[in-house]
Amino acid sequence: MARRAADFDESDVRVRPGKGSRPRSKRRPTHDDARAAMVVSVDRGRWGCVLASGDDEGVEVVAMRARELGRTPIVVGDEVGIVGDLSGAPGSLARIVKVSERSSVLRRTADDNDPFERIVVANARNLLIVVAAADPPPRTGFVARALVAAYAGGLQPVLGITKSDLADPEVFAAEFSALDLPVITVGVDDGLDALRDMLGGDVSALIGHSGVGKSTLVNRLVPDADRATSAVSGVGKGRHTSTQSVALRLPGGGWVIDTPGIRSFGLAHIKPENVLDAFSDLASVAEGCPRGCTHLGPPADPECAFDEITDPAVHRRAMAVRELLATLESNDQWALGSSE
């Protein structure tokens, strides 16, 4: 016979604990058996990793991010530890369980007002800043921004000028001659050997606007890379052809990381006081400024020494830096105002 409701007490009720109230172990696997690998590609929640040692060194495996890593960002160039199926066979899947501390990080934002920074590349030693001597014309402001990002992230910048057969690359290179900045010029038939020698044995990232010949350069450095290329449009801007960053092994040793062509290089994560760290000559000029000068020029800084620079090339770069400083300064003022 069925029991009446009055016959039940709390001892008869069994409550299953919710997921949030279940006891959880704080112990996590140490993954001492994890294999060292380098991330060479990222695509929709899957990471291409190349094993870094052992009899199967160089084997590329596909991996997912282990649950215990949460939302830890993993980017091309990261040195990781992986476990699971490391055969590299079609359909196999490993797990990334460790991300090593980075020796360098290239960051950028979508624009100078975007508070969200994006890690583009990790652990690169060199940053090859690619511009064209012509078609499209080189931009001083872009190179200045890339220099700031390189020094802030711990990378050695190198200026690479392509299409030297279309215009004299020395004209643009002169704008940076006062800096300790290696410059490599590359034409249709020359300059590649010097670039190979400079990049060989290291991990080097390439950045540049669309249409400057960056992917063409990668295809010449790594003949089987097969990176898509396209012509420059009628308005002097290239169409985006590289849509994902990818690391490619150089035939003589080392890696090049080809990044997507960009239209803007935001530096919202950089503090204005750190900008001049990338320009030793302008830092020396700034020593002649009055105390408290922000180098923004009149009316804020009527006695800024930047306005006394007579060399046209250096003056153009100083004005590009001033424009960047003005943008970053306005970001700081906005942030201070929004916190009150």
Protein backbone atom coordinates (compact mmCIF):
# COMPACT_ATOMS: atom_id res chain seq x y z
CA MET A 1 0.00 0.00 0.00
CA ALA A 2 1.33 3.49 -0.88
CA ARG A 3 2.67 5.59 1.98
CA ARG A 4 0.87 8.78 2.88
CA ALA A 5 2.66 12.14 2.62
CA ALA A 6 2.54 12.49 6.40
CA ASP A 7 4.63 9.34 6.74
CA PHE A 8 7.65 10.94 4.92
CA ASP A 9 10.40 12.89 6.67
CA GLU A 10 13.62 14.55 5.47
CA SER A 11 15.54 11.29 5.69
CA ASP A 12 13.41 9.93 2.88
CA VAL A 13 14.37 12.76 0.49
CA ARG A 14 17.51 12.32 -1.58
CA VAL A 15 18.81 15.50 -3.19
CA ARG A 16 21.39 15.22 -5.95
CA PRO A 17 24.01 17.95 -5.56
CA GLY A 18 24.20 20.46 -8.37
CA LYS A 19 27.33 20.78 -10.50
CA GLY A 20 28.40 23.87 -8.62
CA SER A 21 28.14 22.25 -5.17
CA ARG A 22 29.88 18.96 -5.86
CA PRO A 23 33.24 18.55 -4.16
CA ARG A 24 36.03 19.13 -6.68
CA SER A 25 39.59 18.01 -6.41
CA LYS A 26 42.18 20.79 -6.54
CA ARG A 27 44.71 18.38 -7.91
CA ARG A 28 45.47 18.80 -11.57
CA PRO A 29 47.54 16.50 -13.76
CA THR A 30 51.15 17.66 -14.10
CA HIS A 31 51.48 16.31 -17.64
CA ASP A 32 55.14 15.48 -17.12
CA ASP A 33 54.92 13.40 -20.29
CA ALA A 34 53.84 16.36 -22.45
CA ARG A 35 55.87 16.80 -25.63
CA ALA A 36 57.33 20.16 -26.57
CA ALA A 37 55.90 21.68 -29.74
CA MET A 38 55.58 25.00 -31.54
CA VAL A 39 52.25 26.40 -32.72
CA VAL A 40 52.43 27.06 -36.46
CA SER A 41 48.78 27.73 -37.33
CA VAL A 42 45.41 28.51 -35.75
CA ASP A 43 42.03 27.80 -37.30
CA ARG A 44 38.63 27.74 -35.60
CA GLY A 45 39.58 26.22 -32.28
CA ARG A 46 42.26 23.94 -33.66
CA TRP A 47 45.99 24.52 -33.48
CA GLY A 48 48.61 23.13 -35.83
CA CYS A 49 51.68 22.18 -33.78
CA VAL A 50 55.10 20.93 -34.89
CA LEU A 51 56.91 18.57 -32.51
CA ALA A 52 60.16 20.17 -31.37
CA SER A 53 62.27 17.14 -30.45
CA GLY A 54 62.55 13.36 -30.53
CA ASP A 55 62.59 10.84 -33.35
CA ASP A 56 59.42 12.37 -34.75
CA GLU A 57 60.69 15.95 -34.60
CA GLY A 58 59.02 18.08 -37.26
CA VAL A 59 55.81 16.05 -37.38
CA GLU A 60 52.79 18.36 -37.50
CA VAL A 61 49.82 17.42 -35.36
CA VAL A 62 46.42 19.01 -34.85
CA ALA A 63 45.54 19.85 -31.26
CA MET A 64 42.74 21.33 -29.20
CA ARG A 65 43.11 23.43 -26.06
CA ALA A 66 42.77 21.39 -22.86
CA ARG A 67 39.86 22.33 -20.63
CA GLU A 68 42.13 23.20 -17.70
CA LEU A 69 43.70 26.02 -19.75
CA GLY A 70 40.36 27.81 -19.89
CA ARG A 71 40.52 30.77 -22.24
CA THR A 72 44.30 31.06 -22.18
CA PRO A 73 45.21 32.63 -25.55
CA ILE A 74 47.36 30.43 -27.77
CA VAL A 75 48.88 32.04 -30.85
CA VAL A 76 51.30 31.22 -33.64
CA GLY A 77 54.83 31.02 -32.26
CA ASP A 78 53.78 29.80 -28.83
CA GLU A 79 55.87 27.02 -27.31
CA VAL A 80 53.45 24.47 -25.86
CA GLY A 81 53.26 21.04 -24.26
CA ILE A 82 50.92 18.54 -25.93
CA VAL A 83 49.63 15.07 -25.09
CA GLY A 84 47.40 12.54 -26.78
CA ASP A 85 47.56 11.29 -30.35
CA LEU A 86 50.81 12.72 -31.74
CA SER A 87 50.90 10.60 -34.88
CA GLY A 88 49.84 13.42 -37.15
CA ALA A 89 47.57 11.00 -39.00
CA PRO A 90 44.42 12.40 -40.67
CA GLY A 91 41.65 12.75 -38.11
CA SER A 92 44.00 12.52 -35.11
CA LEU A 93 43.67 15.08 -32.33
CA ALA A 94 46.07 15.98 -29.51
CA ARG A 95 45.59 18.33 -26.55
CA ILE A 96 47.59 21.43 -25.62
CA VAL A 97 48.09 21.23 -21.85
CA LYS A 98 50.88 23.77 -21.27
CA VAL A 99 51.83 27.17 -22.68
CA SER A 100 55.39 28.27 -21.92
CA GLU A 101 56.33 31.78 -20.87
CA ARG A 102 56.83 33.97 -23.93
CA SER A 103 60.15 35.60 -24.74
CA SER A 104 58.49 38.24 -26.92
CA VAL A 105 54.97 39.28 -27.87
CA LEU A 106 53.76 41.38 -30.80
CA ARG A 107 50.50 43.08 -29.87
CA ARG A 108 48.19 45.44 -31.67
CA THR A 109 44.65 46.78 -31.44
CA ALA A 110 42.14 47.31 -34.23
CA ASP A 111 42.63 51.08 -33.90
CA ASP A 112 43.95 53.58 -31.40
CA ASN A 113 40.63 53.76 -29.56
CA ASP A 114 40.08 50.01 -29.20
CA PRO A 115 40.71 48.88 -25.60
CA PHE A 116 41.06 45.22 -26.59
CA GLU A 117 44.57 44.22 -27.57
CA ARG A 118 45.28 41.24 -29.75
CA ILE A 119 48.39 39.08 -29.58
CA VAL A 120 49.55 38.65 -33.17
CA VAL A 121 52.69 36.54 -32.72
CA ALA A 122 54.65 35.07 -29.81
CA ASN A 123 58.35 34.24 -29.36
CA ALA A 124 59.60 35.87 -32.57
CA ARG A 125 63.09 37.33 -32.40
CA ASN A 126 62.78 39.61 -35.43
CA LEU A 127 59.95 41.74 -36.78
CA LEU A 128 60.35 42.34 -40.51
CA ILE A 129 58.36 45.48 -41.30
CA VAL A 130 57.55 45.19 -45.00
CA VAL A 131 56.81 48.26 -47.13
CA ALA A 132 56.96 48.82 -50.88
CA ALA A 133 59.16 51.46 -52.47
CA ALA A 134 56.14 52.25 -54.66
CA ASP A 135 52.69 50.90 -55.56
CA PRO A 136 51.51 51.39 -52.86
CA PRO A 137 53.79 54.15 -51.54
CA PRO A 138 55.51 53.55 -48.19
CA ARG A 139 54.00 55.13 -45.08
CA THR A 140 56.19 56.64 -42.42
CA GLY A 141 53.44 56.45 -39.81
CA PHE A 142 52.99 52.71 -40.22
CA VAL A 143 56.70 52.00 -39.80
CA ALA A 144 56.84 54.26 -36.75
CA ARG A 145 53.96 52.36 -35.17
CA ALA A 146 55.54 49.00 -35.96
CA LEU A 147 58.81 50.13 -34.36
CA VAL A 148 56.98 51.11 -31.18
CA ALA A 149 55.19 47.74 -31.06
CA ALA A 150 58.43 45.84 -31.72
CA TYR A 151 60.42 47.48 -28.93
CA ALA A 152 57.49 47.25 -26.51
CA GLY A 153 57.16 43.53 -27.22
CA GLY A 154 60.86 42.62 -27.13
CA LEU A 155 61.42 42.06 -30.88
CA GLN A 156 64.29 43.29 -33.07
CA PRO A 157 62.78 45.36 -35.90
CA VAL A 158 64.07 45.09 -39.46
CA LEU A 159 62.83 47.31 -42.29
CA GLY A 160 62.24 45.42 -45.53
CA ILE A 161 61.60 47.51 -48.65
CA THR A 162 60.19 45.57 -51.61
CA LYS A 163 59.64 46.58 -55.24
CA SER A 164 63.01 48.32 -55.35
CA ASP A 165 62.84 48.02 -59.15
CA LEU A 166 59.93 50.51 -59.19
CA ALA A 167 61.50 53.32 -57.13
CA ASP A 168 64.67 54.17 -55.24
CA PRO A 169 64.28 52.55 -51.79
CA GLU A 170 67.02 54.74 -50.31
CA VAL A 171 64.69 57.75 -50.35
CA PHE A 172 62.37 56.15 -47.79
CA ALA A 173 65.16 54.37 -45.91
CA ALA A 174 66.77 57.76 -45.27
CA GLU A 175 63.90 58.66 -42.94
CA PHE A 176 65.20 56.05 -40.49
CA SER A 177 68.94 56.34 -41.10
CA ALA A 178 69.53 57.91 -37.69
CA LEU A 179 68.21 54.79 -35.97
CA ASP A 180 69.95 51.50 -35.30
CA LEU A 181 67.53 49.85 -37.74
CA PRO A 182 68.69 47.20 -40.22
CA VAL A 183 67.32 47.84 -43.71
CA ILE A 184 66.99 45.22 -46.44
CA THR A 185 65.90 46.13 -49.98
CA VAL A 186 64.42 43.47 -52.23
CA GLY A 187 63.74 43.71 -55.94
CA VAL A 188 62.60 41.21 -58.53
CA ASP A 189 66.08 39.72 -58.90
CA ASP A 190 68.10 40.89 -55.90
CA GLY A 191 68.22 41.27 -52.14
CA LEU A 192 66.94 37.83 -51.22
CA ASP A 193 70.30 36.36 -50.16
CA ALA A 194 70.90 39.18 -47.67
CA LEU A 195 67.43 38.68 -46.23
CA ARG A 196 67.94 34.91 -45.91
CA ASP A 197 71.20 35.49 -44.07
CA MET A 198 69.57 37.92 -41.66
CA LEU A 199 66.54 35.73 -40.87
CA GLY A 200 68.21 32.32 -40.97
CA GLY A 201 68.11 30.30 -37.77
CA ASP A 202 65.64 32.62 -36.01
CA VAL A 203 61.88 32.99 -35.73
CA SER A 204 60.87 36.12 -37.64
CA ALA A 205 57.43 37.67 -38.08
CA LEU A 206 56.45 39.65 -41.16
CA ILE A 207 53.91 42.46 -41.07
CA GLY A 208 52.83 44.90 -43.75
CA HIS A 209 49.93 46.52 -45.52
CA SER A 210 48.11 44.52 -48.17
CA GLY A 211 49.70 44.82 -51.60
CA VAL A 212 53.27 45.56 -50.50
CA GLY A 213 54.51 42.15 -51.68
CA LYS A 214 54.74 40.44 -48.31
CA SER A 215 53.22 37.14 -49.44
CA THR A 216 55.29 37.22 -52.63
CA LEU A 217 58.37 37.63 -50.45
CA VAL A 218 57.33 34.65 -48.30
CA ASN A 219 56.83 32.52 -51.41
CA ARG A 220 60.37 33.36 -52.53
CA LEU A 221 61.83 32.57 -49.11
CA VAL A 222 59.83 29.33 -48.80
CA PRO A 223 59.21 28.05 -52.36
CA ASP A 224 56.51 25.56 -51.33
CA ALA A 225 54.62 28.05 -49.13
CA ASP A 226 52.02 28.82 -51.82
CA ARG A 227 50.78 31.95 -50.06
CA ALA A 228 48.06 33.73 -52.04
CA THR A 229 49.03 37.00 -53.73
CA SER A 230 47.10 39.71 -55.54
CA ALA A 231 47.63 42.95 -57.42
CA VAL A 232 47.15 46.42 -55.94
CA SER A 233 43.77 48.04 -56.56
CA GLY A 234 43.28 51.29 -58.44
CA VAL A 235 43.22 53.31 -55.22
CA GLY A 236 46.69 52.15 -54.23
CA LYS A 237 45.58 49.64 -51.64
CA GLY A 238 46.01 45.91 -51.78
CA ARG A 239 43.32 43.32 -51.20
CA HIS A 240 43.76 41.07 -48.19
CA THR A 241 45.23 37.76 -49.36
CA SER A 242 46.65 36.24 -46.14
CA THR A 243 43.75 35.69 -43.75
CA GLN A 244 45.51 33.70 -41.02
CA SER A 245 48.97 33.85 -39.47
CA VAL A 246 51.10 30.82 -40.28
CA ALA A 247 54.68 29.81 -39.42
CA LEU A 248 56.73 28.35 -42.27
CA ARG A 249 60.08 26.62 -41.93
CA LEU A 250 62.93 28.26 -43.84
CA PRO A 251 64.93 25.84 -46.02
CA GLY A 252 68.18 26.83 -44.28
CA GLY A 253 66.76 26.72 -40.75
CA GLY A 254 64.54 29.03 -38.75
CA TRP A 255 60.95 30.13 -39.28
CA VAL A 256 59.06 32.99 -40.88
CA ILE A 257 55.60 33.86 -39.62
CA ASP A 258 53.43 35.41 -42.31
CA THR A 259 50.67 37.55 -40.78
CA PRO A 260 47.51 38.82 -42.50
CA GLY A 261 47.84 42.07 -44.44
CA ILE A 262 46.59 44.96 -42.33
CA ARG A 263 45.00 48.33 -43.01
CA SER A 264 45.59 49.78 -39.55
CA PHE A 265 47.99 49.09 -36.69
CA GLY A 266 46.41 50.31 -33.47
CA LEU A 267 48.54 50.95 -30.38
CA ALA A 268 45.91 51.67 -27.76
CA HIS A 269 47.81 49.43 -25.33
CA ILE A 270 50.95 51.62 -25.48
CA LYS A 271 51.48 54.44 -22.98
CA PRO A 272 52.51 57.80 -24.52
CA GLU A 273 55.61 58.00 -22.32
CA ASN A 274 56.92 54.77 -23.88
CA VAL A 275 56.67 55.84 -27.52
CA LEU A 276 60.06 57.58 -27.73
CA ASP A 277 61.79 54.39 -26.55
CA ALA A 278 61.69 53.30 -30.21
CA PHE A 279 63.39 56.45 -31.55
CA SER A 280 66.78 57.18 -30.03
CA ASP A 281 67.34 60.26 -32.19
CA LEU A 282 63.99 61.83 -31.32
CA ALA A 283 64.58 61.01 -27.66
CA SER A 284 67.81 63.02 -27.89
CA VAL A 285 65.94 65.91 -29.53
CA ALA A 286 63.32 65.75 -26.76
CA GLU A 287 66.03 66.45 -24.18
CA GLY A 288 65.95 70.03 -25.45
CA CYS A 289 62.24 70.40 -24.69
CA PRO A 290 60.95 72.28 -21.64
CA ARG A 291 60.09 70.21 -18.56
CA GLY A 292 56.67 68.59 -18.93
CA CYS A 293 56.60 68.87 -22.73
CA THR A 294 54.29 66.27 -24.28
CA HIS A 295 55.70 66.88 -27.79
CA LEU A 296 52.24 67.64 -29.18
CA GLY A 297 53.31 71.00 -30.59
CA PRO A 298 51.45 74.32 -30.46
CA PRO A 299 49.32 75.35 -28.71
CA ALA A 300 49.90 72.69 -26.02
CA ASP A 301 53.71 72.73 -26.39
CA PRO A 302 54.78 75.93 -28.19
CA GLU A 303 58.48 75.35 -27.45
CA CYS A 304 58.68 71.66 -28.42
CA ALA A 305 62.10 70.87 -29.91
CA PHE A 306 60.48 68.67 -32.56
CA ASP A 307 59.53 71.86 -34.42
CA GLU A 308 63.20 72.83 -34.71
CA ILE A 309 64.21 69.69 -36.64
CA THR A 310 65.61 70.79 -40.01
CA ASP A 311 66.20 67.43 -41.70
CA PRO A 312 63.06 66.86 -43.84
CA ALA A 313 63.10 63.06 -43.46
CA VAL A 314 63.53 63.16 -39.68
CA HIS A 315 60.91 65.91 -39.43
CA ARG A 316 58.35 63.77 -41.28
CA ARG A 317 58.96 60.94 -38.84
CA ALA A 318 58.73 63.32 -35.88
CA MET A 319 55.35 64.53 -37.13
CA ALA A 320 54.16 60.92 -37.50
CA VAL A 321 55.25 60.25 -33.91
CA ARG A 322 53.51 63.45 -32.78
CA GLU A 323 50.27 62.30 -34.40
CA LEU A 324 50.53 58.97 -32.59
CA LEU A 325 51.26 60.71 -29.28
CA ALA A 326 48.22 62.95 -29.71
CA THR A 327 45.96 59.96 -30.24
CA LEU A 328 47.34 58.03 -27.27
CA GLU A 329 47.18 61.13 -25.07
CA SER A 330 43.48 61.56 -25.87
CA ASN A 331 42.93 57.90 -24.98
CA ASP A 332 44.53 58.45 -21.56
CA GLN A 333 42.40 61.54 -20.92
CA TRP A 334 39.25 59.63 -21.88
CA ALA A 335 40.18 56.76 -19.56
CA LEU A 336 40.82 59.12 -16.66
CA GLY A 337 37.55 60.92 -17.27
CA SER A 338 35.53 57.70 -17.49
CA SER A 339 36.82 56.47 -14.12
CA GLU A 340 35.60 59.49 -12.17
